[in-house]
Amino acid sequence: MTNSSNPILGSEQMPASTPTSDERTLAILCHILTLFFWLFPPLIIYLVKKNESEFVTAHAKESLNFQITIGIIGIVLFLTIIGILLLWVLGIVALVFVIVATVKASENKLYRYPMTIRLIK
């Protein structure tokens, strides 16, 4: 397995086996659907596929952890006056990371978001 790391954009790793087309599609959906439905798509995909596909499970867990982290940061920012003004920055950062994760999933790579609290292991 090769591992590539960028401290700003996260890290990527090649999976142990090549994922199928369906696995790749589900991994992509784990990330991109969070733009519309927050953490529900990766949660549902994780619960359905956790015993079937390591590739999909890894992407679903990573997406869940990132969305939970973004939610926590958003709540903390919302509780402060200055933080409310910075919520748009959090949204842009989240959008960029979700796009990067989606591209990595489409390239059949495992992706780890930077600065994410790993609550689901």
C-alpha atoms as a PDB file:
ATOM      1  CA  MET A   1       0.000   0.000   0.000  1.00  0.00           C
ATOM      2  CA  THR A   2       1.280   3.402  -0.915  1.00  0.00           C
ATOM      3  CA  ASN A   3       0.523   6.354   1.263  1.00  0.00           C
ATOM      4  CA  SER A   4       0.591   9.966   0.166  1.00  0.00           C
ATOM      5  CA  SER A   5       0.124  12.777   2.649  1.00  0.00           C
ATOM      6  CA  ASN A   6      -0.501  16.496   2.359  1.00  0.00           C
ATOM      7  CA  PRO A   7      -0.904  18.265   5.718  1.00  0.00           C
ATOM      8  CA  ILE A   8      -3.419  20.687   4.238  1.00  0.00           C
ATOM      9  CA  LEU A   9      -5.564  18.454   2.031  1.00  0.00           C
ATOM     10  CA  GLY A  10      -5.335  15.199   3.988  1.00  0.00           C
ATOM     11  CA  SER A  11      -3.837  11.867   3.062  1.00  0.00           C
ATOM     12  CA  GLU A  12      -4.612   9.149   0.581  1.00  0.00           C
ATOM     13  CA  GLN A  13      -3.824   5.474   0.503  1.00  0.00           C
ATOM     14  CA  MET A  14      -4.329   2.690  -2.007  1.00  0.00           C
ATOM     15  CA  PRO A  15      -6.758  -0.006  -0.793  1.00  0.00           C
ATOM     16  CA  ALA A  16      -5.598  -3.600  -0.321  1.00  0.00           C
ATOM     17  CA  SER A  17      -7.804  -4.743  -3.213  1.00  0.00           C
ATOM     18  CA  THR A  18      -9.288  -2.901  -6.161  1.00  0.00           C
ATOM     19  CA  PRO A  19     -12.875  -1.852  -5.386  1.00  0.00           C
ATOM     20  CA  THR A  20     -15.713  -2.736  -7.737  1.00  0.00           C
ATOM     21  CA  SER A  21     -17.642  -0.109  -9.659  1.00  0.00           C
ATOM     22  CA  ASP A  22     -20.522  -0.328  -7.162  1.00  0.00           C
ATOM     23  CA  GLU A  23     -18.142   0.094  -4.217  1.00  0.00           C
ATOM     24  CA  ARG A  24     -16.577   3.142  -5.848  1.00  0.00           C
ATOM     25  CA  THR A  25     -20.026   4.651  -6.495  1.00  0.00           C
ATOM     26  CA  LEU A  26     -21.088   4.159  -2.863  1.00  0.00           C
ATOM     27  CA  ALA A  27     -17.804   5.664  -1.645  1.00  0.00           C
ATOM     28  CA  ILE A  28     -18.381   8.716  -3.851  1.00  0.00           C
ATOM     29  CA  LEU A  29     -21.940   9.037  -2.546  1.00  0.00           C
ATOM     30  CA  CYS A  30     -20.676   8.886   1.057  1.00  0.00           C
ATOM     31  CA  HIS A  31     -18.917  12.180   0.473  1.00  0.00           C
ATOM     32  CA  ILE A  32     -20.903  14.130  -2.109  1.00  0.00           C
ATOM     33  CA  LEU A  33     -24.335  13.579  -0.563  1.00  0.00           C
ATOM     34  CA  THR A  34     -23.173  15.225   2.675  1.00  0.00           C
ATOM     35  CA  LEU A  35     -23.402  18.547   0.818  1.00  0.00           C
ATOM     36  CA  PHE A  36     -27.183  18.096   0.766  1.00  0.00           C
ATOM     37  CA  PHE A  37     -28.064  15.793   3.667  1.00  0.00           C
ATOM     38  CA  TRP A  38     -25.215  16.314   6.192  1.00  0.00           C
ATOM     39  CA  LEU A  39     -24.237  13.048   7.903  1.00  0.00           C
ATOM     40  CA  PHE A  40     -27.238  10.873   7.041  1.00  0.00           C
ATOM     41  CA  PRO A  41     -25.993   9.361   3.723  1.00  0.00           C
ATOM     42  CA  PRO A  42     -22.660   8.096   5.096  1.00  0.00           C
ATOM     43  CA  LEU A  43     -24.415   6.829   8.229  1.00  0.00           C
ATOM     44  CA  ILE A  44     -26.948   4.837   6.218  1.00  0.00           C
ATOM     45  CA  ILE A  45     -24.301   3.517   3.826  1.00  0.00           C
ATOM     46  CA  TYR A  46     -22.066   2.568   6.768  1.00  0.00           C
ATOM     47  CA  LEU A  47     -24.853   0.679   8.544  1.00  0.00           C
ATOM     48  CA  VAL A  48     -25.842  -1.194   5.374  1.00  0.00           C
ATOM     49  CA  LYS A  49     -22.358  -1.996   3.998  1.00  0.00           C
ATOM     50  CA  LYS A  50     -20.129  -2.232   7.095  1.00  0.00           C
ATOM     51  CA  ASN A  51     -19.796  -6.021   6.835  1.00  0.00           C
ATOM     52  CA  GLU A  52     -19.668  -6.199   3.039  1.00  0.00           C
ATOM     53  CA  SER A  53     -17.001  -3.801   1.784  1.00  0.00           C
ATOM     54  CA  GLU A  54     -13.890  -2.500   3.519  1.00  0.00           C
ATOM     55  CA  PHE A  55     -13.505   0.242   0.903  1.00  0.00           C
ATOM     56  CA  VAL A  56     -17.041   1.592   1.360  1.00  0.00           C
ATOM     57  CA  THR A  57     -16.829   1.210   5.140  1.00  0.00           C
ATOM     58  CA  ALA A  58     -13.581   3.201   5.284  1.00  0.00           C
ATOM     59  CA  HIS A  59     -15.050   6.047   3.213  1.00  0.00           C
ATOM     60  CA  ALA A  60     -18.311   6.071   5.173  1.00  0.00           C
ATOM     61  CA  LYS A  61     -16.505   6.208   8.533  1.00  0.00           C
ATOM     62  CA  GLU A  62     -14.169   8.942   7.342  1.00  0.00           C
ATOM     63  CA  SER A  63     -17.054  10.999   5.975  1.00  0.00           C
ATOM     64  CA  LEU A  64     -19.046  10.530   9.203  1.00  0.00           C
ATOM     65  CA  ASN A  65     -16.092  11.592  11.342  1.00  0.00           C
ATOM     66  CA  PHE A  66     -15.523  14.683   9.205  1.00  0.00           C
ATOM     67  CA  GLN A  67     -19.180  15.713   9.265  1.00  0.00           C
ATOM     68  CA  ILE A  68     -19.353  15.264  13.043  1.00  0.00           C
ATOM     69  CA  THR A  69     -16.190  17.359  13.418  1.00  0.00           C
ATOM     70  CA  ILE A  70     -17.605  20.088  11.162  1.00  0.00           C
ATOM     71  CA  GLY A  71     -20.837  20.026  13.185  1.00  0.00           C
ATOM     72  CA  ILE A  72     -18.972  20.445  16.467  1.00  0.00           C
ATOM     73  CA  ILE A  73     -16.865  23.297  15.070  1.00  0.00           C
ATOM     74  CA  GLY A  74     -19.995  24.939  13.649  1.00  0.00           C
ATOM     75  CA  ILE A  75     -21.756  24.815  17.024  1.00  0.00           C
ATOM     76  CA  VAL A  76     -18.715  26.282  18.791  1.00  0.00           C
ATOM     77  CA  LEU A  77     -18.454  29.075  16.199  1.00  0.00           C
ATOM     78  CA  PHE A  78     -22.182  29.777  16.442  1.00  0.00           C
ATOM     79  CA  LEU A  79     -21.888  30.300  20.185  1.00  0.00           C
ATOM     80  CA  THR A  80     -19.557  33.270  19.704  1.00  0.00           C
ATOM     81  CA  ILE A  81     -20.308  36.538  17.920  1.00  0.00           C
ATOM     82  CA  ILE A  82     -17.051  36.480  15.964  1.00  0.00           C
ATOM     83  CA  GLY A  83     -17.601  32.808  15.188  1.00  0.00           C
ATOM     84  CA  ILE A  84     -20.961  33.518  13.563  1.00  0.00           C
ATOM     85  CA  LEU A  85     -19.135  35.741  11.100  1.00  0.00           C
ATOM     86  CA  LEU A  86     -16.709  32.891  10.327  1.00  0.00           C
ATOM     87  CA  LEU A  87     -19.298  30.191   9.608  1.00  0.00           C
ATOM     88  CA  TRP A  88     -19.043  30.883   5.883  1.00  0.00           C
ATOM     89  CA  VAL A  89     -15.310  30.064   6.014  1.00  0.00           C
ATOM     90  CA  LEU A  90     -16.132  26.725   7.643  1.00  0.00           C
ATOM     91  CA  GLY A  91     -18.615  26.038   4.855  1.00  0.00           C
ATOM     92  CA  ILE A  92     -16.049  26.737   2.140  1.00  0.00           C
ATOM     93  CA  VAL A  93     -13.399  24.599   3.859  1.00  0.00           C
ATOM     94  CA  ALA A  94     -15.887  21.740   4.241  1.00  0.00           C
ATOM     95  CA  LEU A  95     -16.885  22.046   0.567  1.00  0.00           C
ATOM     96  CA  VAL A  96     -13.258  21.878  -0.600  1.00  0.00           C
ATOM     97  CA  PHE A  97     -12.482  18.834   1.553  1.00  0.00           C
ATOM     98  CA  VAL A  98     -15.644  17.026   0.433  1.00  0.00           C
ATOM     99  CA  ILE A  99     -14.727  17.643  -3.215  1.00  0.00           C
ATOM    100  CA  VAL A 100     -11.181  16.356  -2.630  1.00  0.00           C
ATOM    101  CA  ALA A 101     -12.541  13.253  -0.851  1.00  0.00           C
ATOM    102  CA  THR A 102     -15.009  12.630  -3.673  1.00  0.00           C
ATOM    103  CA  VAL A 103     -12.246  12.828  -6.276  1.00  0.00           C
ATOM    104  CA  LYS A 104     -10.037  10.442  -4.268  1.00  0.00           C
ATOM    105  CA  ALA A 105     -12.941   7.975  -3.945  1.00  0.00           C
ATOM    106  CA  SER A 106     -13.484   8.165  -7.710  1.00  0.00           C
ATOM    107  CA  GLU A 107      -9.773   7.321  -8.169  1.00  0.00           C
ATOM    108  CA  ASN A 108     -10.227   4.164  -6.001  1.00  0.00           C
ATOM    109  CA  LYS A 109      -8.127   5.626  -3.180  1.00  0.00           C
ATOM    110  CA  LEU A 110      -8.797   5.707   0.539  1.00  0.00           C
ATOM    111  CA  TYR A 111      -8.851   9.283   1.838  1.00  0.00           C
ATOM    112  CA  ARG A 112      -8.409  10.722   5.322  1.00  0.00           C
ATOM    113  CA  TYR A 113      -9.644  14.239   6.012  1.00  0.00           C
ATOM    114  CA  PRO A 114      -7.125  16.472   7.842  1.00  0.00           C
ATOM    115  CA  MET A 115      -7.773  17.678  11.403  1.00  0.00           C
ATOM    116  CA  THR A 116     -10.724  15.344  11.950  1.00  0.00           C
ATOM    117  CA  ILE A 117     -11.812  13.892  15.269  1.00  0.00           C
ATOM    118  CA  ARG A 118     -11.925  10.112  14.766  1.00  0.00           C
ATOM    119  CA  LEU A 119     -14.965   9.194  16.851  1.00  0.00           C
ATOM    120  CA  ILE A 120     -15.987   6.214  14.710  1.00  0.00           C
ATOM    121  CA  LYS A 121     -13.149   3.731  14.367  1.00  0.00           C
END
